[in-house]
Amino acid sequence: MDTTRADLLMRVEGMTCDGCAAAVTRTVKRLDPGAEIQVDRDAGRVAIRTDAQALVVAEALTRAGYTATAMTG
């Protein structure tokens, strides 16, 4: 992982409950235990401050059963 923290905004489809939001959080924390995560389940968005790259986060969330893509601004 890179040592520079970045702000990522991800669209995550398939989050239907608080359990899903918790699963998304756990998945990101496995990649970067120090990540700061804000899940907006209703909007299907996750804001992350992390050392992990967007592609790595998206792939991990996809493996966890969600459709994840990086968003801009």
N, C-alpha and C. Protein backbone atom coordinates (compact mmCIF):
# COMPACT_ATOMS: atom_id res chain seq x y z
N MET A 1 0.83 -1.18 0.00
CA MET A 1 0.00 0.00 0.00
C MET A 1 0.87 1.24 0.00
N ASP A 2 0.35 2.28 -0.58
CA ASP A 2 1.04 3.56 -0.64
C ASP A 2 0.99 4.22 0.73
N THR A 3 1.99 5.04 1.03
CA THR A 3 2.01 5.71 2.33
C THR A 3 1.24 7.02 2.32
N THR A 4 0.73 7.43 1.18
CA THR A 4 -0.04 8.67 1.07
C THR A 4 -1.52 8.36 1.13
N ARG A 5 -2.20 8.96 2.10
CA ARG A 5 -3.64 8.73 2.23
C ARG A 5 -4.37 9.51 1.15
N ALA A 6 -5.42 8.90 0.64
CA ALA A 6 -6.22 9.53 -0.40
C ALA A 6 -7.69 9.46 0.00
N ASP A 7 -8.46 10.41 -0.52
CA ASP A 7 -9.90 10.40 -0.32
C ASP A 7 -10.53 9.74 -1.54
N LEU A 8 -11.27 8.67 -1.30
CA LEU A 8 -11.96 7.95 -2.36
C LEU A 8 -13.46 8.07 -2.15
N LEU A 9 -14.18 8.18 -3.25
CA LEU A 9 -15.63 8.11 -3.20
C LEU A 9 -16.03 6.95 -4.09
N MET A 10 -16.67 5.96 -3.50
CA MET A 10 -17.04 4.75 -4.22
C MET A 10 -18.55 4.62 -4.31
N ARG A 11 -19.05 4.21 -5.47
CA ARG A 11 -20.46 3.81 -5.60
C ARG A 11 -20.47 2.32 -5.33
N VAL A 12 -21.29 1.91 -4.36
CA VAL A 12 -21.36 0.50 -3.98
C VAL A 12 -22.81 0.06 -4.07
N GLU A 13 -23.09 -0.82 -5.04
CA GLU A 13 -24.44 -1.33 -5.25
C GLU A 13 -24.60 -2.64 -4.49
N GLY A 14 -25.78 -2.82 -3.93
CA GLY A 14 -26.08 -4.06 -3.23
C GLY A 14 -26.13 -3.92 -1.72
N MET A 15 -25.88 -2.72 -1.21
CA MET A 15 -25.99 -2.51 0.25
C MET A 15 -27.46 -2.28 0.57
N THR A 16 -28.10 -3.28 1.17
CA THR A 16 -29.53 -3.19 1.42
C THR A 16 -29.88 -3.06 2.90
N CYS A 17 -28.88 -3.20 3.78
CA CYS A 17 -29.19 -3.16 5.22
C CYS A 17 -27.97 -2.69 5.99
N ASP A 18 -28.15 -2.50 7.28
CA ASP A 18 -27.03 -2.09 8.12
C ASP A 18 -25.94 -3.16 8.17
N GLY A 19 -26.34 -4.42 8.05
CA GLY A 19 -25.36 -5.51 8.00
C GLY A 19 -24.46 -5.39 6.78
N CYS A 20 -25.05 -4.98 5.65
CA CYS A 20 -24.27 -4.77 4.43
C CYS A 20 -23.27 -3.63 4.63
N ALA A 21 -23.73 -2.55 5.25
CA ALA A 21 -22.85 -1.42 5.51
C ALA A 21 -21.70 -1.85 6.41
N ALA A 22 -21.98 -2.67 7.40
CA ALA A 22 -20.93 -3.18 8.29
C ALA A 22 -19.97 -4.08 7.53
N ALA A 23 -20.48 -4.90 6.61
CA ALA A 23 -19.62 -5.78 5.81
C ALA A 23 -18.70 -4.97 4.91
N VAL A 24 -19.21 -3.90 4.33
CA VAL A 24 -18.39 -3.02 3.49
C VAL A 24 -17.28 -2.41 4.34
N THR A 25 -17.64 -1.94 5.53
CA THR A 25 -16.65 -1.35 6.43
C THR A 25 -15.58 -2.36 6.80
N ARG A 26 -15.97 -3.57 7.15
CA ARG A 26 -15.00 -4.63 7.50
C ARG A 26 -14.07 -4.93 6.34
N THR A 27 -14.62 -4.98 5.14
CA THR A 27 -13.82 -5.29 3.95
C THR A 27 -12.74 -4.23 3.75
N VAL A 28 -13.10 -2.97 3.86
CA VAL A 28 -12.12 -1.90 3.68
C VAL A 28 -11.10 -1.92 4.81
N LYS A 29 -11.54 -2.18 6.04
CA LYS A 29 -10.63 -2.21 7.19
C LYS A 29 -9.62 -3.35 7.07
N ARG A 30 -9.98 -4.44 6.38
CA ARG A 30 -9.01 -5.52 6.15
C ARG A 30 -7.87 -5.04 5.25
N LEU A 31 -8.20 -4.18 4.31
CA LEU A 31 -7.17 -3.63 3.41
C LEU A 31 -6.32 -2.59 4.12
N ASP A 32 -6.97 -1.76 4.92
CA ASP A 32 -6.30 -0.65 5.60
C ASP A 32 -6.96 -0.43 6.95
N PRO A 33 -6.40 -1.04 8.00
CA PRO A 33 -7.01 -0.92 9.33
C PRO A 33 -7.18 0.52 9.81
N GLY A 34 -6.38 1.44 9.28
CA GLY A 34 -6.48 2.85 9.69
C GLY A 34 -7.42 3.68 8.83
N ALA A 35 -8.11 3.05 7.90
CA ALA A 35 -8.99 3.79 6.99
C ALA A 35 -10.13 4.45 7.76
N GLU A 36 -10.52 5.63 7.28
CA GLU A 36 -11.69 6.32 7.80
C GLU A 36 -12.81 6.11 6.77
N ILE A 37 -13.96 5.59 7.22
CA ILE A 37 -15.01 5.18 6.30
C ILE A 37 -16.34 5.79 6.71
N GLN A 38 -17.04 6.35 5.73
CA GLN A 38 -18.39 6.86 5.95
C GLN A 38 -19.29 6.20 4.91
N VAL A 39 -20.23 5.39 5.38
CA VAL A 39 -21.13 4.67 4.48
C VAL A 39 -22.47 5.39 4.43
N ASP A 40 -22.93 5.70 3.22
CA ASP A 40 -24.28 6.25 3.01
C ASP A 40 -25.04 5.16 2.26
N ARG A 41 -25.64 4.26 3.02
CA ARG A 41 -26.31 3.09 2.44
C ARG A 41 -27.42 3.51 1.50
N ASP A 42 -28.22 4.49 1.89
CA ASP A 42 -29.36 4.92 1.07
C ASP A 42 -28.92 5.46 -0.29
N ALA A 43 -27.81 6.18 -0.32
CA ALA A 43 -27.30 6.74 -1.58
C ALA A 43 -26.40 5.75 -2.32
N GLY A 44 -26.01 4.66 -1.65
CA GLY A 44 -25.12 3.68 -2.27
C GLY A 44 -23.72 4.21 -2.47
N ARG A 45 -23.27 5.03 -1.52
CA ARG A 45 -21.94 5.63 -1.61
C ARG A 45 -21.13 5.36 -0.36
N VAL A 46 -19.82 5.26 -0.55
CA VAL A 46 -18.91 5.07 0.56
C VAL A 46 -17.75 6.04 0.36
N ALA A 47 -17.53 6.91 1.34
CA ALA A 47 -16.38 7.82 1.32
C ALA A 47 -15.30 7.20 2.20
N ILE A 48 -14.08 7.14 1.66
CA ILE A 48 -13.00 6.45 2.35
C ILE A 48 -11.74 7.31 2.30
N ARG A 49 -11.09 7.47 3.43
CA ARG A 49 -9.75 8.07 3.50
C ARG A 49 -8.82 6.90 3.81
N THR A 50 -7.94 6.59 2.86
CA THR A 50 -7.20 5.34 2.95
C THR A 50 -5.85 5.41 2.25
N ASP A 51 -5.01 4.44 2.58
CA ASP A 51 -3.75 4.24 1.85
C ASP A 51 -3.96 3.35 0.63
N ALA A 52 -5.07 2.64 0.58
CA ALA A 52 -5.34 1.69 -0.51
C ALA A 52 -5.74 2.42 -1.79
N GLN A 53 -5.42 1.81 -2.92
CA GLN A 53 -5.81 2.38 -4.20
C GLN A 53 -7.27 2.04 -4.51
N ALA A 54 -7.92 2.91 -5.26
CA ALA A 54 -9.35 2.75 -5.57
C ALA A 54 -9.62 1.39 -6.23
N LEU A 55 -8.79 0.97 -7.15
CA LEU A 55 -9.00 -0.30 -7.84
C LEU A 55 -8.94 -1.47 -6.87
N VAL A 56 -8.01 -1.41 -5.93
CA VAL A 56 -7.87 -2.48 -4.93
C VAL A 56 -9.12 -2.53 -4.05
N VAL A 57 -9.62 -1.37 -3.63
CA VAL A 57 -10.83 -1.31 -2.81
C VAL A 57 -12.02 -1.86 -3.59
N ALA A 58 -12.17 -1.43 -4.85
CA ALA A 58 -13.29 -1.89 -5.67
C ALA A 58 -13.24 -3.40 -5.86
N GLU A 59 -12.06 -3.96 -6.10
CA GLU A 59 -11.93 -5.40 -6.28
C GLU A 59 -12.29 -6.15 -5.00
N ALA A 60 -11.86 -5.65 -3.85
CA ALA A 60 -12.16 -6.30 -2.58
C ALA A 60 -13.67 -6.28 -2.31
N LEU A 61 -14.31 -5.15 -2.58
CA LEU A 61 -15.76 -5.06 -2.37
C LEU A 61 -16.52 -5.95 -3.34
N THR A 62 -16.02 -6.09 -4.56
CA THR A 62 -16.64 -6.99 -5.53
C THR A 62 -16.53 -8.43 -5.05
N ARG A 63 -15.37 -8.81 -4.54
CA ARG A 63 -15.20 -10.16 -4.00
C ARG A 63 -16.13 -10.39 -2.80
N ALA A 64 -16.46 -9.32 -2.08
CA ALA A 64 -17.36 -9.44 -0.93
C ALA A 64 -18.83 -9.49 -1.35
N GLY A 65 -19.10 -9.36 -2.65
CA GLY A 65 -20.47 -9.52 -3.14
C GLY A 65 -21.18 -8.24 -3.54
N TYR A 66 -20.45 -7.15 -3.64
CA TYR A 66 -21.04 -5.86 -4.03
C TYR A 66 -20.47 -5.42 -5.36
N THR A 67 -21.17 -4.53 -6.03
CA THR A 67 -20.65 -3.93 -7.24
C THR A 67 -20.11 -2.58 -6.86
N ALA A 68 -18.81 -2.39 -6.97
CA ALA A 68 -18.17 -1.16 -6.52
C ALA A 68 -17.39 -0.52 -7.64
N THR A 69 -17.55 0.80 -7.78
CA THR A 69 -16.82 1.58 -8.76
C THR A 69 -16.42 2.90 -8.13
N ALA A 70 -15.26 3.41 -8.54
CA ALA A 70 -14.80 4.71 -8.05
C ALA A 70 -15.61 5.81 -8.74
N MET A 71 -15.91 6.84 -7.99
CA MET A 71 -16.62 8.00 -8.51
C MET A 71 -15.66 9.20 -8.49
N THR A 72 -15.97 10.21 -9.29
CA THR A 72 -15.18 11.44 -9.23
C THR A 72 -15.98 12.50 -8.51
N GLY A 73 -15.24 13.42 -7.88
CA GLY A 73 -15.79 14.59 -7.20
C GLY A 73 -17.12 14.39 -6.69
